[in-house]
Every structure is written in structure tokens, then in C-alpha cells.
Amino acid sequence: TVLRVLYLVFNEGYSGDVDLAAEA
């Protein structure tokens, strides 16, 4: 479950308007 969360956070940081990729 934690992996699924980290994956979605990274995707939002990678393609969205909130930079979360490095944190993920």
C-alpha cells in the first residue's frame, strides 16, 4: 500500500503542477 502511495505521489510530481517527484 505504501508503494502505491509513493507511486501516485511521484506521478503527480512528475506530470502535474505540484513538484513531489524528488520527495517521492
PDBML (XML) file of the C-alpha atoms, coordinates in Angstrom:
<?xml version="1.0" encoding="UTF-8" ?>
<PDBx:datablock datablockName="MODEL"
   xmlns:PDBx="http://pdbml.pdb.org/schema/pdbx-v50.xsd"
   xmlns:xsi="http://www.w3.org/2001/XMLSchema-instance"
   xsi:schemaLocation="http://pdbml.pdb.org/schema/pdbx-v50.xsd pdbx-v50.xsd">
   <PDBx:atom_siteCategory>
      <PDBx:atom_site id="1">
         <PDBx:B_iso_or_equiv>0.00</PDBx:B_iso_or_equiv>
         <PDBx:Cartn_x>0.000</PDBx:Cartn_x>
         <PDBx:Cartn_y>0.000</PDBx:Cartn_y>
         <PDBx:Cartn_z>0.000</PDBx:Cartn_z>
         <PDBx:auth_asym_id>A</PDBx:auth_asym_id>
         <PDBx:auth_atom_id>CA</PDBx:auth_atom_id>
         <PDBx:auth_comp_id>THR</PDBx:auth_comp_id>
         <PDBx:auth_seq_id>1</PDBx:auth_seq_id>
         <PDBx:group_PDB>ATOM</PDBx:group_PDB>
         <PDBx:label_alt_id xsi:nil="true" />
         <PDBx:label_asym_id>A</PDBx:label_asym_id>
         <PDBx:label_atom_id>CA</PDBx:label_atom_id>
         <PDBx:label_comp_id>THR</PDBx:label_comp_id>
         <PDBx:label_entity_id>1</PDBx:label_entity_id>
         <PDBx:label_seq_id>1</PDBx:label_seq_id>
         <PDBx:occupancy>1.00</PDBx:occupancy>
         <PDBx:pdbx_PDB_model_num>1</PDBx:pdbx_PDB_model_num>
         <PDBx:type_symbol>C</PDBx:type_symbol>
      </PDBx:atom_site>
      <PDBx:atom_site id="2">
         <PDBx:B_iso_or_equiv>0.00</PDBx:B_iso_or_equiv>
         <PDBx:Cartn_x>2.832</PDBx:Cartn_x>
         <PDBx:Cartn_y>2.409</PDBx:Cartn_y>
         <PDBx:Cartn_z>0.822</PDBx:Cartn_z>
         <PDBx:auth_asym_id>A</PDBx:auth_asym_id>
         <PDBx:auth_atom_id>CA</PDBx:auth_atom_id>
         <PDBx:auth_comp_id>VAL</PDBx:auth_comp_id>
         <PDBx:auth_seq_id>2</PDBx:auth_seq_id>
         <PDBx:group_PDB>ATOM</PDBx:group_PDB>
         <PDBx:label_alt_id xsi:nil="true" />
         <PDBx:label_asym_id>A</PDBx:label_asym_id>
         <PDBx:label_atom_id>CA</PDBx:label_atom_id>
         <PDBx:label_comp_id>VAL</PDBx:label_comp_id>
         <PDBx:label_entity_id>1</PDBx:label_entity_id>
         <PDBx:label_seq_id>2</PDBx:label_seq_id>
         <PDBx:occupancy>1.00</PDBx:occupancy>
         <PDBx:pdbx_PDB_model_num>1</PDBx:pdbx_PDB_model_num>
         <PDBx:type_symbol>C</PDBx:type_symbol>
      </PDBx:atom_site>
      <PDBx:atom_site id="3">
         <PDBx:B_iso_or_equiv>0.00</PDBx:B_iso_or_equiv>
         <PDBx:Cartn_x>4.387</PDBx:Cartn_x>
         <PDBx:Cartn_y>1.682</PDBx:Cartn_y>
         <PDBx:Cartn_z>-2.569</PDBx:Cartn_z>
         <PDBx:auth_asym_id>A</PDBx:auth_asym_id>
         <PDBx:auth_atom_id>CA</PDBx:auth_atom_id>
         <PDBx:auth_comp_id>LEU</PDBx:auth_comp_id>
         <PDBx:auth_seq_id>3</PDBx:auth_seq_id>
         <PDBx:group_PDB>ATOM</PDBx:group_PDB>
         <PDBx:label_alt_id xsi:nil="true" />
         <PDBx:label_asym_id>A</PDBx:label_asym_id>
         <PDBx:label_atom_id>CA</PDBx:label_atom_id>
         <PDBx:label_comp_id>LEU</PDBx:label_comp_id>
         <PDBx:label_entity_id>1</PDBx:label_entity_id>
         <PDBx:label_seq_id>3</PDBx:label_seq_id>
         <PDBx:occupancy>1.00</PDBx:occupancy>
         <PDBx:pdbx_PDB_model_num>1</PDBx:pdbx_PDB_model_num>
         <PDBx:type_symbol>C</PDBx:type_symbol>
      </PDBx:atom_site>
      <PDBx:atom_site id="4">
         <PDBx:B_iso_or_equiv>0.00</PDBx:B_iso_or_equiv>
         <PDBx:Cartn_x>1.106</PDBx:Cartn_x>
         <PDBx:Cartn_y>2.527</PDBx:Cartn_y>
         <PDBx:Cartn_z>-4.294</PDBx:Cartn_z>
         <PDBx:auth_asym_id>A</PDBx:auth_asym_id>
         <PDBx:auth_atom_id>CA</PDBx:auth_atom_id>
         <PDBx:auth_comp_id>ARG</PDBx:auth_comp_id>
         <PDBx:auth_seq_id>4</PDBx:auth_seq_id>
         <PDBx:group_PDB>ATOM</PDBx:group_PDB>
         <PDBx:label_alt_id xsi:nil="true" />
         <PDBx:label_asym_id>A</PDBx:label_asym_id>
         <PDBx:label_atom_id>CA</PDBx:label_atom_id>
         <PDBx:label_comp_id>ARG</PDBx:label_comp_id>
         <PDBx:label_entity_id>1</PDBx:label_entity_id>
         <PDBx:label_seq_id>4</PDBx:label_seq_id>
         <PDBx:occupancy>1.00</PDBx:occupancy>
         <PDBx:pdbx_PDB_model_num>1</PDBx:pdbx_PDB_model_num>
         <PDBx:type_symbol>C</PDBx:type_symbol>
      </PDBx:atom_site>
      <PDBx:atom_site id="5">
         <PDBx:B_iso_or_equiv>0.00</PDBx:B_iso_or_equiv>
         <PDBx:Cartn_x>1.022</PDBx:Cartn_x>
         <PDBx:Cartn_y>5.862</PDBx:Cartn_y>
         <PDBx:Cartn_z>-2.475</PDBx:Cartn_z>
         <PDBx:auth_asym_id>A</PDBx:auth_asym_id>
         <PDBx:auth_atom_id>CA</PDBx:auth_atom_id>
         <PDBx:auth_comp_id>VAL</PDBx:auth_comp_id>
         <PDBx:auth_seq_id>5</PDBx:auth_seq_id>
         <PDBx:group_PDB>ATOM</PDBx:group_PDB>
         <PDBx:label_alt_id xsi:nil="true" />
         <PDBx:label_asym_id>A</PDBx:label_asym_id>
         <PDBx:label_atom_id>CA</PDBx:label_atom_id>
         <PDBx:label_comp_id>VAL</PDBx:label_comp_id>
         <PDBx:label_entity_id>1</PDBx:label_entity_id>
         <PDBx:label_seq_id>5</PDBx:label_seq_id>
         <PDBx:occupancy>1.00</PDBx:occupancy>
         <PDBx:pdbx_PDB_model_num>1</PDBx:pdbx_PDB_model_num>
         <PDBx:type_symbol>C</PDBx:type_symbol>
      </PDBx:atom_site>
      <PDBx:atom_site id="6">
         <PDBx:B_iso_or_equiv>0.00</PDBx:B_iso_or_equiv>
         <PDBx:Cartn_x>4.619</PDBx:Cartn_x>
         <PDBx:Cartn_y>6.700</PDBx:Cartn_y>
         <PDBx:Cartn_z>-3.334</PDBx:Cartn_z>
         <PDBx:auth_asym_id>A</PDBx:auth_asym_id>
         <PDBx:auth_atom_id>CA</PDBx:auth_atom_id>
         <PDBx:auth_comp_id>LEU</PDBx:auth_comp_id>
         <PDBx:auth_seq_id>6</PDBx:auth_seq_id>
         <PDBx:group_PDB>ATOM</PDBx:group_PDB>
         <PDBx:label_alt_id xsi:nil="true" />
         <PDBx:label_asym_id>A</PDBx:label_asym_id>
         <PDBx:label_atom_id>CA</PDBx:label_atom_id>
         <PDBx:label_comp_id>LEU</PDBx:label_comp_id>
         <PDBx:label_entity_id>1</PDBx:label_entity_id>
         <PDBx:label_seq_id>6</PDBx:label_seq_id>
         <PDBx:occupancy>1.00</PDBx:occupancy>
         <PDBx:pdbx_PDB_model_num>1</PDBx:pdbx_PDB_model_num>
         <PDBx:type_symbol>C</PDBx:type_symbol>
      </PDBx:atom_site>
      <PDBx:atom_site id="7">
         <PDBx:B_iso_or_equiv>0.00</PDBx:B_iso_or_equiv>
         <PDBx:Cartn_x>3.970</PDBx:Cartn_x>
         <PDBx:Cartn_y>5.781</PDBx:Cartn_y>
         <PDBx:Cartn_z>-6.980</PDBx:Cartn_z>
         <PDBx:auth_asym_id>A</PDBx:auth_asym_id>
         <PDBx:auth_atom_id>CA</PDBx:auth_atom_id>
         <PDBx:auth_comp_id>TYR</PDBx:auth_comp_id>
         <PDBx:auth_seq_id>7</PDBx:auth_seq_id>
         <PDBx:group_PDB>ATOM</PDBx:group_PDB>
         <PDBx:label_alt_id xsi:nil="true" />
         <PDBx:label_asym_id>A</PDBx:label_asym_id>
         <PDBx:label_atom_id>CA</PDBx:label_atom_id>
         <PDBx:label_comp_id>TYR</PDBx:label_comp_id>
         <PDBx:label_entity_id>1</PDBx:label_entity_id>
         <PDBx:label_seq_id>7</PDBx:label_seq_id>
         <PDBx:occupancy>1.00</PDBx:occupancy>
         <PDBx:pdbx_PDB_model_num>1</PDBx:pdbx_PDB_model_num>
         <PDBx:type_symbol>C</PDBx:type_symbol>
      </PDBx:atom_site>
      <PDBx:atom_site id="8">
         <PDBx:B_iso_or_equiv>0.00</PDBx:B_iso_or_equiv>
         <PDBx:Cartn_x>0.986</PDBx:Cartn_x>
         <PDBx:Cartn_y>8.111</PDBx:Cartn_y>
         <PDBx:Cartn_z>-7.226</PDBx:Cartn_z>
         <PDBx:auth_asym_id>A</PDBx:auth_asym_id>
         <PDBx:auth_atom_id>CA</PDBx:auth_atom_id>
         <PDBx:auth_comp_id>LEU</PDBx:auth_comp_id>
         <PDBx:auth_seq_id>8</PDBx:auth_seq_id>
         <PDBx:group_PDB>ATOM</PDBx:group_PDB>
         <PDBx:label_alt_id xsi:nil="true" />
         <PDBx:label_asym_id>A</PDBx:label_asym_id>
         <PDBx:label_atom_id>CA</PDBx:label_atom_id>
         <PDBx:label_comp_id>LEU</PDBx:label_comp_id>
         <PDBx:label_entity_id>1</PDBx:label_entity_id>
         <PDBx:label_seq_id>8</PDBx:label_seq_id>
         <PDBx:occupancy>1.00</PDBx:occupancy>
         <PDBx:pdbx_PDB_model_num>1</PDBx:pdbx_PDB_model_num>
         <PDBx:type_symbol>C</PDBx:type_symbol>
      </PDBx:atom_site>
      <PDBx:atom_site id="9">
         <PDBx:B_iso_or_equiv>0.00</PDBx:B_iso_or_equiv>
         <PDBx:Cartn_x>2.820</PDBx:Cartn_x>
         <PDBx:Cartn_y>10.934</PDBx:Cartn_y>
         <PDBx:Cartn_z>-5.432</PDBx:Cartn_z>
         <PDBx:auth_asym_id>A</PDBx:auth_asym_id>
         <PDBx:auth_atom_id>CA</PDBx:auth_atom_id>
         <PDBx:auth_comp_id>VAL</PDBx:auth_comp_id>
         <PDBx:auth_seq_id>9</PDBx:auth_seq_id>
         <PDBx:group_PDB>ATOM</PDBx:group_PDB>
         <PDBx:label_alt_id xsi:nil="true" />
         <PDBx:label_asym_id>A</PDBx:label_asym_id>
         <PDBx:label_atom_id>CA</PDBx:label_atom_id>
         <PDBx:label_comp_id>VAL</PDBx:label_comp_id>
         <PDBx:label_entity_id>1</PDBx:label_entity_id>
         <PDBx:label_seq_id>9</PDBx:label_seq_id>
         <PDBx:occupancy>1.00</PDBx:occupancy>
         <PDBx:pdbx_PDB_model_num>1</PDBx:pdbx_PDB_model_num>
         <PDBx:type_symbol>C</PDBx:type_symbol>
      </PDBx:atom_site>
      <PDBx:atom_site id="10">
         <PDBx:B_iso_or_equiv>0.00</PDBx:B_iso_or_equiv>
         <PDBx:Cartn_x>5.729</PDBx:Cartn_x>
         <PDBx:Cartn_y>10.592</PDBx:Cartn_y>
         <PDBx:Cartn_z>-7.861</PDBx:Cartn_z>
         <PDBx:auth_asym_id>A</PDBx:auth_asym_id>
         <PDBx:auth_atom_id>CA</PDBx:auth_atom_id>
         <PDBx:auth_comp_id>PHE</PDBx:auth_comp_id>
         <PDBx:auth_seq_id>10</PDBx:auth_seq_id>
         <PDBx:group_PDB>ATOM</PDBx:group_PDB>
         <PDBx:label_alt_id xsi:nil="true" />
         <PDBx:label_asym_id>A</PDBx:label_asym_id>
         <PDBx:label_atom_id>CA</PDBx:label_atom_id>
         <PDBx:label_comp_id>PHE</PDBx:label_comp_id>
         <PDBx:label_entity_id>1</PDBx:label_entity_id>
         <PDBx:label_seq_id>10</PDBx:label_seq_id>
         <PDBx:occupancy>1.00</PDBx:occupancy>
         <PDBx:pdbx_PDB_model_num>1</PDBx:pdbx_PDB_model_num>
         <PDBx:type_symbol>C</PDBx:type_symbol>
      </PDBx:atom_site>
      <PDBx:atom_site id="11">
         <PDBx:B_iso_or_equiv>0.00</PDBx:B_iso_or_equiv>
         <PDBx:Cartn_x>3.397</PDBx:Cartn_x>
         <PDBx:Cartn_y>10.606</PDBx:Cartn_y>
         <PDBx:Cartn_z>-10.853</PDBx:Cartn_z>
         <PDBx:auth_asym_id>A</PDBx:auth_asym_id>
         <PDBx:auth_atom_id>CA</PDBx:auth_atom_id>
         <PDBx:auth_comp_id>ASN</PDBx:auth_comp_id>
         <PDBx:auth_seq_id>11</PDBx:auth_seq_id>
         <PDBx:group_PDB>ATOM</PDBx:group_PDB>
         <PDBx:label_alt_id xsi:nil="true" />
         <PDBx:label_asym_id>A</PDBx:label_asym_id>
         <PDBx:label_atom_id>CA</PDBx:label_atom_id>
         <PDBx:label_comp_id>ASN</PDBx:label_comp_id>
         <PDBx:label_entity_id>1</PDBx:label_entity_id>
         <PDBx:label_seq_id>11</PDBx:label_seq_id>
         <PDBx:occupancy>1.00</PDBx:occupancy>
         <PDBx:pdbx_PDB_model_num>1</PDBx:pdbx_PDB_model_num>
         <PDBx:type_symbol>C</PDBx:type_symbol>
      </PDBx:atom_site>
      <PDBx:atom_site id="12">
         <PDBx:B_iso_or_equiv>0.00</PDBx:B_iso_or_equiv>
         <PDBx:Cartn_x>1.731</PDBx:Cartn_x>
         <PDBx:Cartn_y>13.803</PDBx:Cartn_y>
         <PDBx:Cartn_z>-9.667</PDBx:Cartn_z>
         <PDBx:auth_asym_id>A</PDBx:auth_asym_id>
         <PDBx:auth_atom_id>CA</PDBx:auth_atom_id>
         <PDBx:auth_comp_id>GLU</PDBx:auth_comp_id>
         <PDBx:auth_seq_id>12</PDBx:auth_seq_id>
         <PDBx:group_PDB>ATOM</PDBx:group_PDB>
         <PDBx:label_alt_id xsi:nil="true" />
         <PDBx:label_asym_id>A</PDBx:label_asym_id>
         <PDBx:label_atom_id>CA</PDBx:label_atom_id>
         <PDBx:label_comp_id>GLU</PDBx:label_comp_id>
         <PDBx:label_entity_id>1</PDBx:label_entity_id>
         <PDBx:label_seq_id>12</PDBx:label_seq_id>
         <PDBx:occupancy>1.00</PDBx:occupancy>
         <PDBx:pdbx_PDB_model_num>1</PDBx:pdbx_PDB_model_num>
         <PDBx:type_symbol>C</PDBx:type_symbol>
      </PDBx:atom_site>
      <PDBx:atom_site id="13">
         <PDBx:B_iso_or_equiv>0.00</PDBx:B_iso_or_equiv>
         <PDBx:Cartn_x>5.123</PDBx:Cartn_x>
         <PDBx:Cartn_y>15.391</PDBx:Cartn_y>
         <PDBx:Cartn_z>-9.092</PDBx:Cartn_z>
         <PDBx:auth_asym_id>A</PDBx:auth_asym_id>
         <PDBx:auth_atom_id>CA</PDBx:auth_atom_id>
         <PDBx:auth_comp_id>GLY</PDBx:auth_comp_id>
         <PDBx:auth_seq_id>13</PDBx:auth_seq_id>
         <PDBx:group_PDB>ATOM</PDBx:group_PDB>
         <PDBx:label_alt_id xsi:nil="true" />
         <PDBx:label_asym_id>A</PDBx:label_asym_id>
         <PDBx:label_atom_id>CA</PDBx:label_atom_id>
         <PDBx:label_comp_id>GLY</PDBx:label_comp_id>
         <PDBx:label_entity_id>1</PDBx:label_entity_id>
         <PDBx:label_seq_id>13</PDBx:label_seq_id>
         <PDBx:occupancy>1.00</PDBx:occupancy>
         <PDBx:pdbx_PDB_model_num>1</PDBx:pdbx_PDB_model_num>
         <PDBx:type_symbol>C</PDBx:type_symbol>
      </PDBx:atom_site>
      <PDBx:atom_site id="14">
         <PDBx:B_iso_or_equiv>0.00</PDBx:B_iso_or_equiv>
         <PDBx:Cartn_x>6.382</PDBx:Cartn_x>
         <PDBx:Cartn_y>14.221</PDBx:Cartn_y>
         <PDBx:Cartn_z>-12.479</PDBx:Cartn_z>
         <PDBx:auth_asym_id>A</PDBx:auth_asym_id>
         <PDBx:auth_atom_id>CA</PDBx:auth_atom_id>
         <PDBx:auth_comp_id>TYR</PDBx:auth_comp_id>
         <PDBx:auth_seq_id>14</PDBx:auth_seq_id>
         <PDBx:group_PDB>ATOM</PDBx:group_PDB>
         <PDBx:label_alt_id xsi:nil="true" />
         <PDBx:label_asym_id>A</PDBx:label_asym_id>
         <PDBx:label_atom_id>CA</PDBx:label_atom_id>
         <PDBx:label_comp_id>TYR</PDBx:label_comp_id>
         <PDBx:label_entity_id>1</PDBx:label_entity_id>
         <PDBx:label_seq_id>14</PDBx:label_seq_id>
         <PDBx:occupancy>1.00</PDBx:occupancy>
         <PDBx:pdbx_PDB_model_num>1</PDBx:pdbx_PDB_model_num>
         <PDBx:type_symbol>C</PDBx:type_symbol>
      </PDBx:atom_site>
      <PDBx:atom_site id="15">
         <PDBx:B_iso_or_equiv>0.00</PDBx:B_iso_or_equiv>
         <PDBx:Cartn_x>3.447</PDBx:Cartn_x>
         <PDBx:Cartn_y>15.338</PDBx:Cartn_y>
         <PDBx:Cartn_z>-14.602</PDBx:Cartn_z>
         <PDBx:auth_asym_id>A</PDBx:auth_asym_id>
         <PDBx:auth_atom_id>CA</PDBx:auth_atom_id>
         <PDBx:auth_comp_id>SER</PDBx:auth_comp_id>
         <PDBx:auth_seq_id>15</PDBx:auth_seq_id>
         <PDBx:group_PDB>ATOM</PDBx:group_PDB>
         <PDBx:label_alt_id xsi:nil="true" />
         <PDBx:label_asym_id>A</PDBx:label_asym_id>
         <PDBx:label_atom_id>CA</PDBx:label_atom_id>
         <PDBx:label_comp_id>SER</PDBx:label_comp_id>
         <PDBx:label_entity_id>1</PDBx:label_entity_id>
         <PDBx:label_seq_id>15</PDBx:label_seq_id>
         <PDBx:occupancy>1.00</PDBx:occupancy>
         <PDBx:pdbx_PDB_model_num>1</PDBx:pdbx_PDB_model_num>
         <PDBx:type_symbol>C</PDBx:type_symbol>
      </PDBx:atom_site>
      <PDBx:atom_site id="16">
         <PDBx:B_iso_or_equiv>0.00</PDBx:B_iso_or_equiv>
         <PDBx:Cartn_x>1.314</PDBx:Cartn_x>
         <PDBx:Cartn_y>17.672</PDBx:Cartn_y>
         <PDBx:Cartn_z>-12.516</PDBx:Cartn_z>
         <PDBx:auth_asym_id>A</PDBx:auth_asym_id>
         <PDBx:auth_atom_id>CA</PDBx:auth_atom_id>
         <PDBx:auth_comp_id>GLY</PDBx:auth_comp_id>
         <PDBx:auth_seq_id>16</PDBx:auth_seq_id>
         <PDBx:group_PDB>ATOM</PDBx:group_PDB>
         <PDBx:label_alt_id xsi:nil="true" />
         <PDBx:label_asym_id>A</PDBx:label_asym_id>
         <PDBx:label_atom_id>CA</PDBx:label_atom_id>
         <PDBx:label_comp_id>GLY</PDBx:label_comp_id>
         <PDBx:label_entity_id>1</PDBx:label_entity_id>
         <PDBx:label_seq_id>16</PDBx:label_seq_id>
         <PDBx:occupancy>1.00</PDBx:occupancy>
         <PDBx:pdbx_PDB_model_num>1</PDBx:pdbx_PDB_model_num>
         <PDBx:type_symbol>C</PDBx:type_symbol>
      </PDBx:atom_site>
      <PDBx:atom_site id="17">
         <PDBx:B_iso_or_equiv>0.00</PDBx:B_iso_or_equiv>
         <PDBx:Cartn_x>1.508</PDBx:Cartn_x>
         <PDBx:Cartn_y>21.117</PDBx:Cartn_y>
         <PDBx:Cartn_z>-11.019</PDBx:Cartn_z>
         <PDBx:auth_asym_id>A</PDBx:auth_asym_id>
         <PDBx:auth_atom_id>CA</PDBx:auth_atom_id>
         <PDBx:auth_comp_id>ASP</PDBx:auth_comp_id>
         <PDBx:auth_seq_id>17</PDBx:auth_seq_id>
         <PDBx:group_PDB>ATOM</PDBx:group_PDB>
         <PDBx:label_alt_id xsi:nil="true" />
         <PDBx:label_asym_id>A</PDBx:label_asym_id>
         <PDBx:label_atom_id>CA</PDBx:label_atom_id>
         <PDBx:label_comp_id>ASP</PDBx:label_comp_id>
         <PDBx:label_entity_id>1</PDBx:label_entity_id>
         <PDBx:label_seq_id>17</PDBx:label_seq_id>
         <PDBx:occupancy>1.00</PDBx:occupancy>
         <PDBx:pdbx_PDB_model_num>1</PDBx:pdbx_PDB_model_num>
         <PDBx:type_symbol>C</PDBx:type_symbol>
      </PDBx:atom_site>
      <PDBx:atom_site id="18">
         <PDBx:B_iso_or_equiv>0.00</PDBx:B_iso_or_equiv>
         <PDBx:Cartn_x>2.876</PDBx:Cartn_x>
         <PDBx:Cartn_y>20.049</PDBx:Cartn_y>
         <PDBx:Cartn_z>-7.620</PDBx:Cartn_z>
         <PDBx:auth_asym_id>A</PDBx:auth_asym_id>
         <PDBx:auth_atom_id>CA</PDBx:auth_atom_id>
         <PDBx:auth_comp_id>VAL</PDBx:auth_comp_id>
         <PDBx:auth_seq_id>18</PDBx:auth_seq_id>
         <PDBx:group_PDB>ATOM</PDBx:group_PDB>
         <PDBx:label_alt_id xsi:nil="true" />
         <PDBx:label_asym_id>A</PDBx:label_asym_id>
         <PDBx:label_atom_id>CA</PDBx:label_atom_id>
         <PDBx:label_comp_id>VAL</PDBx:label_comp_id>
         <PDBx:label_entity_id>1</PDBx:label_entity_id>
         <PDBx:label_seq_id>18</PDBx:label_seq_id>
         <PDBx:occupancy>1.00</PDBx:occupancy>
         <PDBx:pdbx_PDB_model_num>1</PDBx:pdbx_PDB_model_num>
         <PDBx:type_symbol>C</PDBx:type_symbol>
      </PDBx:atom_site>
      <PDBx:atom_site id="19">
         <PDBx:B_iso_or_equiv>0.00</PDBx:B_iso_or_equiv>
         <PDBx:Cartn_x>6.561</PDBx:Cartn_x>
         <PDBx:Cartn_y>19.140</PDBx:Cartn_y>
         <PDBx:Cartn_z>-7.522</PDBx:Cartn_z>
         <PDBx:auth_asym_id>A</PDBx:auth_asym_id>
         <PDBx:auth_atom_id>CA</PDBx:auth_atom_id>
         <PDBx:auth_comp_id>ASP</PDBx:auth_comp_id>
         <PDBx:auth_seq_id>19</PDBx:auth_seq_id>
         <PDBx:group_PDB>ATOM</PDBx:group_PDB>
         <PDBx:label_alt_id xsi:nil="true" />
         <PDBx:label_asym_id>A</PDBx:label_asym_id>
         <PDBx:label_atom_id>CA</PDBx:label_atom_id>
         <PDBx:label_comp_id>ASP</PDBx:label_comp_id>
         <PDBx:label_entity_id>1</PDBx:label_entity_id>
         <PDBx:label_seq_id>19</PDBx:label_seq_id>
         <PDBx:occupancy>1.00</PDBx:occupancy>
         <PDBx:pdbx_PDB_model_num>1</PDBx:pdbx_PDB_model_num>
         <PDBx:type_symbol>C</PDBx:type_symbol>
      </PDBx:atom_site>
      <PDBx:atom_site id="20">
         <PDBx:B_iso_or_equiv>0.00</PDBx:B_iso_or_equiv>
         <PDBx:Cartn_x>6.697</PDBx:Cartn_x>
         <PDBx:Cartn_y>15.989</PDBx:Cartn_y>
         <PDBx:Cartn_z>-5.426</PDBx:Cartn_z>
         <PDBx:auth_asym_id>A</PDBx:auth_asym_id>
         <PDBx:auth_atom_id>CA</PDBx:auth_atom_id>
         <PDBx:auth_comp_id>LEU</PDBx:auth_comp_id>
         <PDBx:auth_seq_id>20</PDBx:auth_seq_id>
         <PDBx:group_PDB>ATOM</PDBx:group_PDB>
         <PDBx:label_alt_id xsi:nil="true" />
         <PDBx:label_asym_id>A</PDBx:label_asym_id>
         <PDBx:label_atom_id>CA</PDBx:label_atom_id>
         <PDBx:label_comp_id>LEU</PDBx:label_comp_id>
         <PDBx:label_entity_id>1</PDBx:label_entity_id>
         <PDBx:label_seq_id>20</PDBx:label_seq_id>
         <PDBx:occupancy>1.00</PDBx:occupancy>
         <PDBx:pdbx_PDB_model_num>1</PDBx:pdbx_PDB_model_num>
         <PDBx:type_symbol>C</PDBx:type_symbol>
      </PDBx:atom_site>
      <PDBx:atom_site id="21">
         <PDBx:B_iso_or_equiv>0.00</PDBx:B_iso_or_equiv>
         <PDBx:Cartn_x>8.935</PDBx:Cartn_x>
         <PDBx:Cartn_y>13.768</PDBx:Cartn_y>
         <PDBx:Cartn_z>-7.555</PDBx:Cartn_z>
         <PDBx:auth_asym_id>A</PDBx:auth_asym_id>
         <PDBx:auth_atom_id>CA</PDBx:auth_atom_id>
         <PDBx:auth_comp_id>ALA</PDBx:auth_comp_id>
         <PDBx:auth_seq_id>21</PDBx:auth_seq_id>
         <PDBx:group_PDB>ATOM</PDBx:group_PDB>
         <PDBx:label_alt_id xsi:nil="true" />
         <PDBx:label_asym_id>A</PDBx:label_asym_id>
         <PDBx:label_atom_id>CA</PDBx:label_atom_id>
         <PDBx:label_comp_id>ALA</PDBx:label_comp_id>
         <PDBx:label_entity_id>1</PDBx:label_entity_id>
         <PDBx:label_seq_id>21</PDBx:label_seq_id>
         <PDBx:occupancy>1.00</PDBx:occupancy>
         <PDBx:pdbx_PDB_model_num>1</PDBx:pdbx_PDB_model_num>
         <PDBx:type_symbol>C</PDBx:type_symbol>
      </PDBx:atom_site>
      <PDBx:atom_site id="22">
         <PDBx:B_iso_or_equiv>0.00</PDBx:B_iso_or_equiv>
         <PDBx:Cartn_x>12.185</PDBx:Cartn_x>
         <PDBx:Cartn_y>14.298</PDBx:Cartn_y>
         <PDBx:Cartn_z>-5.635</PDBx:Cartn_z>
         <PDBx:auth_asym_id>A</PDBx:auth_asym_id>
         <PDBx:auth_atom_id>CA</PDBx:auth_atom_id>
         <PDBx:auth_comp_id>ALA</PDBx:auth_comp_id>
         <PDBx:auth_seq_id>22</PDBx:auth_seq_id>
         <PDBx:group_PDB>ATOM</PDBx:group_PDB>
         <PDBx:label_alt_id xsi:nil="true" />
         <PDBx:label_asym_id>A</PDBx:label_asym_id>
         <PDBx:label_atom_id>CA</PDBx:label_atom_id>
         <PDBx:label_comp_id>ALA</PDBx:label_comp_id>
         <PDBx:label_entity_id>1</PDBx:label_entity_id>
         <PDBx:label_seq_id>22</PDBx:label_seq_id>
         <PDBx:occupancy>1.00</PDBx:occupancy>
         <PDBx:pdbx_PDB_model_num>1</PDBx:pdbx_PDB_model_num>
         <PDBx:type_symbol>C</PDBx:type_symbol>
      </PDBx:atom_site>
      <PDBx:atom_site id="23">
         <PDBx:B_iso_or_equiv>0.00</PDBx:B_iso_or_equiv>
         <PDBx:Cartn_x>10.403</PDBx:Cartn_x>
         <PDBx:Cartn_y>13.786</PDBx:Cartn_y>
         <PDBx:Cartn_z>-2.310</PDBx:Cartn_z>
         <PDBx:auth_asym_id>A</PDBx:auth_asym_id>
         <PDBx:auth_atom_id>CA</PDBx:auth_atom_id>
         <PDBx:auth_comp_id>GLU</PDBx:auth_comp_id>
         <PDBx:auth_seq_id>23</PDBx:auth_seq_id>
         <PDBx:group_PDB>ATOM</PDBx:group_PDB>
         <PDBx:label_alt_id xsi:nil="true" />
         <PDBx:label_asym_id>A</PDBx:label_asym_id>
         <PDBx:label_atom_id>CA</PDBx:label_atom_id>
         <PDBx:label_comp_id>GLU</PDBx:label_comp_id>
         <PDBx:label_entity_id>1</PDBx:label_entity_id>
         <PDBx:label_seq_id>23</PDBx:label_seq_id>
         <PDBx:occupancy>1.00</PDBx:occupancy>
         <PDBx:pdbx_PDB_model_num>1</PDBx:pdbx_PDB_model_num>
         <PDBx:type_symbol>C</PDBx:type_symbol>
      </PDBx:atom_site>
      <PDBx:atom_site id="24">
         <PDBx:B_iso_or_equiv>0.00</PDBx:B_iso_or_equiv>
         <PDBx:Cartn_x>8.886</PDBx:Cartn_x>
         <PDBx:Cartn_y>10.513</PDBx:Cartn_y>
         <PDBx:Cartn_z>-3.535</PDBx:Cartn_z>
         <PDBx:auth_asym_id>A</PDBx:auth_asym_id>
         <PDBx:auth_atom_id>CA</PDBx:auth_atom_id>
         <PDBx:auth_comp_id>ALA</PDBx:auth_comp_id>
         <PDBx:auth_seq_id>24</PDBx:auth_seq_id>
         <PDBx:group_PDB>ATOM</PDBx:group_PDB>
         <PDBx:label_alt_id xsi:nil="true" />
         <PDBx:label_asym_id>A</PDBx:label_asym_id>
         <PDBx:label_atom_id>CA</PDBx:label_atom_id>
         <PDBx:label_comp_id>ALA</PDBx:label_comp_id>
         <PDBx:label_entity_id>1</PDBx:label_entity_id>
         <PDBx:label_seq_id>24</PDBx:label_seq_id>
         <PDBx:occupancy>1.00</PDBx:occupancy>
         <PDBx:pdbx_PDB_model_num>1</PDBx:pdbx_PDB_model_num>
         <PDBx:type_symbol>C</PDBx:type_symbol>
      </PDBx:atom_site>
   </PDBx:atom_siteCategory>
</PDBx:datablock>
